Amino acid sequence: MMQDVDLLKMQARWRTLTGALGVDAAAAQPVFAELVAQYEGNGRAYHNLTHVRQVLASAMELADEAVDWTAVQLAIWFHDVVYVPGAPDNESQSARFARRILHGWQLPDELIDAVEQLILATALNGTIPDHPDVSLIQDADIATLGWPPDAYRRYAQAIRREFAHVPEEAYRHGRSQILTYFLQQERLYRTDHFFTRLEKPARTNLQQELMELGN
């Protein structure tokens, strides 16, 4: 559960974003409460509001290079709002959730479409359009992989807790497949910024976890 002081900071950030879009606080605040309820729900050990904060912080490093920084921020806020461990449609459901909210606020169709496409692009096996904002959100979403070893280990443990219902052998098999998928990519990070900083430590972390899983 996110600490109260951090929750207040996230709320202030949400107000700034939605206020700049001309969304009345009376309309924005219930949505923030709904986001908190979703992200801070039971079983969310990693895909929670802290993850949203971390992805926003990573994305900020390249904010000046974004084509539509507003769309990127909105997509980050909504990208994991629907999350069922192992479900194949989390991203599409989250995109649908975002579209409903943003349409209700009567935001431009172009912005809503951009947010939807960015959310869909965060799917592990999703389409990868050649667009700077897609590269930005994808890299920010997996910046976790390049964290220092102790922080990465806590991330991996949090993922295991989200899949607590899965037997150990089945989890090791499924997790190993995901790690192998990442390691088989020519590049984990599409932006030069994150590639330079995180590619090597991320691959080291992934290889170490794979070894610990018995592969």
C-alpha atoms as a PDB file:
ATOM      1  CA  MET A   1       0.000   0.000   0.000  1.00  0.00           C
ATOM      2  CA  MET A   2       1.355   3.401  -0.988  1.00  0.00           C
ATOM      3  CA  GLN A   3       2.228   5.705   1.898  1.00  0.00           C
ATOM      4  CA  ASP A   4      -0.136   8.641   2.483  1.00  0.00           C
ATOM      5  CA  VAL A   5       2.500  11.262   1.664  1.00  0.00           C
ATOM      6  CA  ASP A   6       3.234   9.592  -1.682  1.00  0.00           C
ATOM      7  CA  LEU A   7      -0.463   9.235  -2.399  1.00  0.00           C
ATOM      8  CA  LEU A   8      -0.906  12.968  -1.863  1.00  0.00           C
ATOM      9  CA  LYS A   9       1.936  13.668  -4.289  1.00  0.00           C
ATOM     10  CA  MET A  10       0.328  11.418  -6.871  1.00  0.00           C
ATOM     11  CA  GLN A  11      -2.994  13.156  -6.340  1.00  0.00           C
ATOM     12  CA  ALA A  12      -1.349  16.551  -6.890  1.00  0.00           C
ATOM     13  CA  ARG A  13       0.256  15.255 -10.060  1.00  0.00           C
ATOM     14  CA  TRP A  14      -3.096  13.959 -11.275  1.00  0.00           C
ATOM     15  CA  ARG A  15      -4.729  17.312 -10.589  1.00  0.00           C
ATOM     16  CA  THR A  16      -2.031  19.132 -12.550  1.00  0.00           C
ATOM     17  CA  LEU A  17      -2.428  16.809 -15.535  1.00  0.00           C
ATOM     18  CA  THR A  18      -6.202  16.813 -15.622  1.00  0.00           C
ATOM     19  CA  GLY A  19      -6.398  20.522 -14.849  1.00  0.00           C
ATOM     20  CA  ALA A  20      -4.205  21.297 -17.860  1.00  0.00           C
ATOM     21  CA  LEU A  21      -6.704  19.340 -19.948  1.00  0.00           C
ATOM     22  CA  GLY A  22      -9.537  21.503 -18.680  1.00  0.00           C
ATOM     23  CA  VAL A  23     -11.120  18.688 -16.694  1.00  0.00           C
ATOM     24  CA  ASP A  24     -13.052  19.971 -13.718  1.00  0.00           C
ATOM     25  CA  ALA A  25     -11.808  18.739 -10.340  1.00  0.00           C
ATOM     26  CA  ALA A  26     -15.288  17.407  -9.604  1.00  0.00           C
ATOM     27  CA  ALA A  27     -14.912  15.078 -12.593  1.00  0.00           C
ATOM     28  CA  ALA A  28     -11.228  14.255 -12.127  1.00  0.00           C
ATOM     29  CA  GLN A  29     -11.273  13.377  -8.426  1.00  0.00           C
ATOM     30  CA  PRO A  30     -13.682  10.391  -8.631  1.00  0.00           C
ATOM     31  CA  VAL A  31     -11.541   8.921 -11.393  1.00  0.00           C
ATOM     32  CA  PHE A  32      -8.435   9.307  -9.244  1.00  0.00           C
ATOM     33  CA  ALA A  33     -10.244   7.493  -6.436  1.00  0.00           C
ATOM     34  CA  GLU A  34     -11.178   4.728  -8.882  1.00  0.00           C
ATOM     35  CA  LEU A  35      -7.585   4.421 -10.060  1.00  0.00           C
ATOM     36  CA  VAL A  36      -6.361   4.162  -6.475  1.00  0.00           C
ATOM     37  CA  ALA A  37      -8.940   1.492  -5.706  1.00  0.00           C
ATOM     38  CA  GLN A  38      -7.849  -0.524  -8.744  1.00  0.00           C
ATOM     39  CA  TYR A  39      -4.100  -0.151  -8.355  1.00  0.00           C
ATOM     40  CA  GLU A  40      -4.039  -0.616  -4.605  1.00  0.00           C
ATOM     41  CA  GLY A  41      -6.369  -3.630  -4.631  1.00  0.00           C
ATOM     42  CA  ASN A  42      -5.578  -6.919  -2.950  1.00  0.00           C
ATOM     43  CA  GLY A  43      -2.809  -8.929  -4.542  1.00  0.00           C
ATOM     44  CA  ARG A  44      -1.182  -6.013  -6.368  1.00  0.00           C
ATOM     45  CA  ALA A  45       2.363  -6.501  -5.115  1.00  0.00           C
ATOM     46  CA  TYR A  46       4.011  -4.897  -8.150  1.00  0.00           C
ATOM     47  CA  HIS A  47       1.428  -3.621 -10.652  1.00  0.00           C
ATOM     48  CA  ASN A  48       0.236  -0.952  -8.242  1.00  0.00           C
ATOM     49  CA  LEU A  49       0.303   2.817  -7.850  1.00  0.00           C
ATOM     50  CA  THR A  50       3.972   2.728  -6.885  1.00  0.00           C
ATOM     51  CA  HIS A  51       4.684   1.189 -10.277  1.00  0.00           C
ATOM     52  CA  VAL A  52       2.752   4.013 -11.952  1.00  0.00           C
ATOM     53  CA  ARG A  53       4.842   6.538 -10.027  1.00  0.00           C
ATOM     54  CA  GLN A  54       8.060   4.790 -11.043  1.00  0.00           C
ATOM     55  CA  VAL A  55       7.079   4.623 -14.714  1.00  0.00           C
ATOM     56  CA  LEU A  56       6.163   8.324 -14.668  1.00  0.00           C
ATOM     57  CA  ALA A  57       9.542   9.138 -13.104  1.00  0.00           C
ATOM     58  CA  SER A  58      11.387   7.130 -15.749  1.00  0.00           C
ATOM     59  CA  ALA A  59       9.383   8.664 -18.575  1.00  0.00           C
ATOM     60  CA  MET A  60      10.150  12.146 -17.236  1.00  0.00           C
ATOM     61  CA  GLU A  61      13.775  11.583 -18.198  1.00  0.00           C
ATOM     62  CA  LEU A  62      12.727  11.848 -21.858  1.00  0.00           C
ATOM     63  CA  ALA A  63       9.717  14.156 -21.515  1.00  0.00           C
ATOM     64  CA  ASP A  64      11.300  16.790 -23.745  1.00  0.00           C
ATOM     65  CA  GLU A  65      11.582  14.244 -26.564  1.00  0.00           C
ATOM     66  CA  ALA A  66       7.949  13.109 -26.413  1.00  0.00           C
ATOM     67  CA  VAL A  67       5.726  13.933 -29.351  1.00  0.00           C
ATOM     68  CA  ASP A  68       2.660  14.123 -27.096  1.00  0.00           C
ATOM     69  CA  TRP A  69       3.737  14.208 -23.468  1.00  0.00           C
ATOM     70  CA  THR A  70       0.128  14.521 -22.306  1.00  0.00           C
ATOM     71  CA  ALA A  71      -0.834  11.287 -24.068  1.00  0.00           C
ATOM     72  CA  VAL A  72       2.202   9.522 -22.616  1.00  0.00           C
ATOM     73  CA  GLN A  73       1.304  10.586 -19.083  1.00  0.00           C
ATOM     74  CA  LEU A  74      -2.328   9.565 -19.438  1.00  0.00           C
ATOM     75  CA  ALA A  75      -1.323   6.214 -20.888  1.00  0.00           C
ATOM     76  CA  ILE A  76       1.010   5.572 -17.955  1.00  0.00           C
ATOM     77  CA  TRP A  77      -1.727   6.360 -15.453  1.00  0.00           C
ATOM     78  CA  PHE A  78      -4.107   3.906 -17.096  1.00  0.00           C
ATOM     79  CA  HIS A  79      -1.802   1.236 -18.552  1.00  0.00           C
ATOM     80  CA  ASP A  80      -2.213  -1.345 -15.750  1.00  0.00           C
ATOM     81  CA  VAL A  81      -5.513  -0.204 -14.266  1.00  0.00           C
ATOM     82  CA  VAL A  82      -6.984  -3.587 -15.183  1.00  0.00           C
ATOM     83  CA  TYR A  83      -4.595  -6.328 -14.101  1.00  0.00           C
ATOM     84  CA  VAL A  84      -5.352  -9.994 -13.597  1.00  0.00           C
ATOM     85  CA  PRO A  85      -2.114 -12.017 -13.277  1.00  0.00           C
ATOM     86  CA  GLY A  86      -1.602 -14.029 -16.424  1.00  0.00           C
ATOM     87  CA  ALA A  87      -4.635 -12.684 -18.281  1.00  0.00           C
ATOM     88  CA  PRO A  88      -3.952 -12.056 -21.993  1.00  0.00           C
ATOM     89  CA  ASP A  89      -6.201  -8.999 -22.256  1.00  0.00           C
ATOM     90  CA  ASN A  90      -5.047  -6.758 -19.394  1.00  0.00           C
ATOM     91  CA  GLU A  91      -3.778  -4.068 -21.748  1.00  0.00           C
ATOM     92  CA  SER A  92      -6.835  -4.113 -24.004  1.00  0.00           C
ATOM     93  CA  GLN A  93      -9.117  -3.935 -20.966  1.00  0.00           C
ATOM     94  CA  SER A  94      -7.056  -1.071 -19.532  1.00  0.00           C
ATOM     95  CA  ALA A  95      -7.220   0.748 -22.872  1.00  0.00           C
ATOM     96  CA  ARG A  96     -10.980   0.293 -22.924  1.00  0.00           C
ATOM     97  CA  PHE A  97     -11.199   1.666 -19.367  1.00  0.00           C
ATOM     98  CA  ALA A  98      -9.132   4.718 -20.364  1.00  0.00           C
ATOM     99  CA  ARG A  99     -11.191   5.351 -23.485  1.00  0.00           C
ATOM    100  CA  ARG A 100     -14.401   5.335 -21.441  1.00  0.00           C
ATOM    101  CA  ILE A 101     -13.028   7.888 -18.977  1.00  0.00           C
ATOM    102  CA  LEU A 102     -11.412  10.191 -21.514  1.00  0.00           C
ATOM    103  CA  HIS A 103     -14.451  10.101 -23.801  1.00  0.00           C
ATOM    104  CA  GLY A 104     -16.590  11.029 -20.807  1.00  0.00           C
ATOM    105  CA  TRP A 105     -14.398  14.069 -20.293  1.00  0.00           C
ATOM    106  CA  GLN A 106     -15.009  14.998 -23.956  1.00  0.00           C
ATOM    107  CA  LEU A 107     -11.314  15.087 -24.798  1.00  0.00           C
ATOM    108  CA  PRO A 108     -10.233  15.165 -28.474  1.00  0.00           C
ATOM    109  CA  ASP A 109     -10.541  11.878 -30.336  1.00  0.00           C
ATOM    110  CA  GLU A 110      -6.924  12.184 -31.494  1.00  0.00           C
ATOM    111  CA  LEU A 111      -5.714  12.250 -27.887  1.00  0.00           C
ATOM    112  CA  ILE A 112      -7.937   9.347 -26.856  1.00  0.00           C
ATOM    113  CA  ASP A 113      -6.714   7.269 -29.798  1.00  0.00           C
ATOM    114  CA  ALA A 114      -3.089   8.057 -28.956  1.00  0.00           C
ATOM    115  CA  VAL A 115      -3.555   7.027 -25.314  1.00  0.00           C
ATOM    116  CA  GLU A 116      -5.228   3.794 -26.359  1.00  0.00           C
ATOM    117  CA  GLN A 117      -2.408   2.868 -28.747  1.00  0.00           C
ATOM    118  CA  LEU A 118       0.257   3.630 -26.150  1.00  0.00           C
ATOM    119  CA  ILE A 119      -1.457   1.418 -23.574  1.00  0.00           C
ATOM    120  CA  LEU A 120      -1.774  -1.427 -26.074  1.00  0.00           C
ATOM    121  CA  ALA A 121       1.926  -1.055 -26.886  1.00  0.00           C
ATOM    122  CA  THR A 122       2.849  -2.001 -23.298  1.00  0.00           C
ATOM    123  CA  ALA A 123       1.625  -5.565 -23.865  1.00  0.00           C
ATOM    124  CA  LEU A 124       4.508  -8.038 -23.807  1.00  0.00           C
ATOM    125  CA  ASN A 125       3.732  -9.379 -27.281  1.00  0.00           C
ATOM    126  CA  GLY A 126       1.934  -6.315 -28.564  1.00  0.00           C
ATOM    127  CA  THR A 127       2.499  -4.531 -31.827  1.00  0.00           C
ATOM    128  CA  ILE A 128       5.418  -2.124 -31.798  1.00  0.00           C
ATOM    129  CA  PRO A 129       4.665   0.912 -33.969  1.00  0.00           C
ATOM    130  CA  ASP A 130       7.722   2.949 -34.938  1.00  0.00           C
ATOM    131  CA  HIS A 131       6.881   6.007 -32.890  1.00  0.00           C
ATOM    132  CA  PRO A 132       8.953   7.931 -30.324  1.00  0.00           C
ATOM    133  CA  ASP A 133       6.183   7.895 -27.710  1.00  0.00           C
ATOM    134  CA  VAL A 134       5.784   4.129 -28.036  1.00  0.00           C
ATOM    135  CA  SER A 135       9.516   3.679 -27.471  1.00  0.00           C
ATOM    136  CA  LEU A 136       9.337   6.022 -24.502  1.00  0.00           C
ATOM    137  CA  ILE A 137       6.486   4.308 -22.689  1.00  0.00           C
ATOM    138  CA  GLN A 138       7.801   0.825 -23.404  1.00  0.00           C
ATOM    139  CA  ASP A 139      11.241   1.663 -22.044  1.00  0.00           C
ATOM    140  CA  ALA A 140       9.848   3.435 -18.996  1.00  0.00           C
ATOM    141  CA  ASP A 141       7.584   0.466 -18.258  1.00  0.00           C
ATOM    142  CA  ILE A 142      10.492  -2.001 -18.177  1.00  0.00           C
ATOM    143  CA  ALA A 143      13.081   0.285 -16.580  1.00  0.00           C
ATOM    144  CA  THR A 144      12.603  -2.019 -13.583  1.00  0.00           C
ATOM    145  CA  LEU A 145      14.621  -4.695 -15.346  1.00  0.00           C
ATOM    146  CA  GLY A 146      17.731  -2.548 -15.126  1.00  0.00           C
ATOM    147  CA  TRP A 147      17.463  -1.711 -11.446  1.00  0.00           C
ATOM    148  CA  PRO A 148      20.349  -2.553  -9.061  1.00  0.00           C
ATOM    149  CA  PRO A 149      20.393  -6.274  -8.145  1.00  0.00           C
ATOM    150  CA  ASP A 150      18.741  -5.920  -4.716  1.00  0.00           C
ATOM    151  CA  ALA A 151      15.930  -3.764  -6.110  1.00  0.00           C
ATOM    152  CA  TYR A 152      15.469  -6.145  -9.026  1.00  0.00           C
ATOM    153  CA  ARG A 153      15.246  -9.066  -6.612  1.00  0.00           C
ATOM    154  CA  ARG A 154      12.458  -7.286  -4.702  1.00  0.00           C
ATOM    155  CA  TYR A 155      10.670  -6.735  -8.005  1.00  0.00           C
ATOM    156  CA  ALA A 156      10.945 -10.429  -8.881  1.00  0.00           C
ATOM    157  CA  GLN A 157       9.647 -11.388  -5.443  1.00  0.00           C
ATOM    158  CA  ALA A 158       6.701  -9.017  -5.881  1.00  0.00           C
ATOM    159  CA  ILE A 159       5.834 -10.646  -9.197  1.00  0.00           C
ATOM    160  CA  ARG A 160       5.907 -14.050  -7.504  1.00  0.00           C
ATOM    161  CA  ARG A 161       3.485 -12.791  -4.849  1.00  0.00           C
ATOM    162  CA  GLU A 162       1.085 -11.667  -7.560  1.00  0.00           C
ATOM    163  CA  PHE A 163       1.157 -15.225  -8.873  1.00  0.00           C
ATOM    164  CA  ALA A 164       0.860 -16.808  -5.428  1.00  0.00           C
ATOM    165  CA  HIS A 165      -2.019 -18.948  -6.701  1.00  0.00           C
ATOM    166  CA  VAL A 166       0.264 -20.633  -9.252  1.00  0.00           C
ATOM    167  CA  PRO A 167       2.163 -23.777  -8.116  1.00  0.00           C
ATOM    168  CA  GLU A 168       5.926 -23.378  -7.932  1.00  0.00           C
ATOM    169  CA  GLU A 169       6.832 -25.628 -10.847  1.00  0.00           C
ATOM    170  CA  ALA A 170       4.297 -24.006 -13.155  1.00  0.00           C
ATOM    171  CA  TYR A 171       5.439 -20.547 -12.099  1.00  0.00           C
ATOM    172  CA  ARG A 172       9.091 -21.338 -12.739  1.00  0.00           C
ATOM    173  CA  HIS A 173       8.218 -22.591 -16.208  1.00  0.00           C
ATOM    174  CA  GLY A 174       6.078 -19.588 -17.127  1.00  0.00           C
ATOM    175  CA  ARG A 175       8.450 -17.035 -15.648  1.00  0.00           C
ATOM    176  CA  SER A 176      11.402 -18.643 -17.405  1.00  0.00           C
ATOM    177  CA  GLN A 177       9.604 -18.306 -20.727  1.00  0.00           C
ATOM    178  CA  ILE A 178       9.088 -14.580 -20.155  1.00  0.00           C
ATOM    179  CA  LEU A 179      12.697 -14.010 -19.111  1.00  0.00           C
ATOM    180  CA  THR A 180      13.919 -15.951 -22.139  1.00  0.00           C
ATOM    181  CA  TYR A 181      11.663 -13.880 -24.394  1.00  0.00           C
ATOM    182  CA  PHE A 182      13.289 -10.701 -23.101  1.00  0.00           C
ATOM    183  CA  LEU A 183      16.809 -12.064 -23.427  1.00  0.00           C
ATOM    184  CA  GLN A 184      16.178 -13.088 -27.032  1.00  0.00           C
ATOM    185  CA  GLN A 185      15.400  -9.514 -28.047  1.00  0.00           C
ATOM    186  CA  GLU A 186      18.115  -7.733 -29.983  1.00  0.00           C
ATOM    187  CA  ARG A 187      17.544  -4.742 -27.722  1.00  0.00           C
ATOM    188  CA  LEU A 188      15.485  -4.545 -24.554  1.00  0.00           C
ATOM    189  CA  TYR A 189      15.376  -0.754 -24.702  1.00  0.00           C
ATOM    190  CA  ARG A 190      14.415   1.090 -27.862  1.00  0.00           C
ATOM    191  CA  THR A 191      15.607   4.570 -26.863  1.00  0.00           C
ATOM    192  CA  ASP A 192      19.325   5.249 -26.818  1.00  0.00           C
ATOM    193  CA  HIS A 193      18.918   6.923 -23.430  1.00  0.00           C
ATOM    194  CA  PHE A 194      17.659   3.815 -21.656  1.00  0.00           C
ATOM    195  CA  PHE A 195      19.710   1.420 -23.785  1.00  0.00           C
ATOM    196  CA  THR A 196      22.928   3.108 -22.680  1.00  0.00           C
ATOM    197  CA  ARG A 197      21.950   3.187 -18.999  1.00  0.00           C
ATOM    198  CA  LEU A 198      20.023  -0.029 -18.473  1.00  0.00           C
ATOM    199  CA  GLU A 199      20.606  -2.606 -21.214  1.00  0.00           C
ATOM    200  CA  LYS A 200      23.638  -4.282 -19.641  1.00  0.00           C
ATOM    201  CA  PRO A 201      22.371  -4.410 -16.021  1.00  0.00           C
ATOM    202  CA  ALA A 202      18.945  -5.563 -17.214  1.00  0.00           C
ATOM    203  CA  ARG A 203      20.406  -8.500 -19.094  1.00  0.00           C
ATOM    204  CA  THR A 204      22.533  -9.403 -16.089  1.00  0.00           C
ATOM    205  CA  ASN A 205      19.455  -9.322 -13.831  1.00  0.00           C
ATOM    206  CA  LEU A 206      17.391 -11.424 -16.221  1.00  0.00           C
ATOM    207  CA  GLN A 207      20.128 -14.010 -16.612  1.00  0.00           C
ATOM    208  CA  GLN A 208      20.597 -14.214 -12.839  1.00  0.00           C
ATOM    209  CA  GLU A 209      16.890 -14.736 -12.200  1.00  0.00           C
ATOM    210  CA  LEU A 210      16.722 -17.333 -14.953  1.00  0.00           C
ATOM    211  CA  MET A 211      19.577 -19.207 -13.339  1.00  0.00           C
ATOM    212  CA  GLU A 212      17.891 -19.049  -9.931  1.00  0.00           C
ATOM    213  CA  LEU A 213      14.763 -20.532 -11.508  1.00  0.00           C
ATOM    214  CA  GLY A 214      16.841 -23.530 -12.520  1.00  0.00           C
ATOM    215  CA  ASN A 215      17.386 -22.701 -16.189  1.00  0.00           C
END
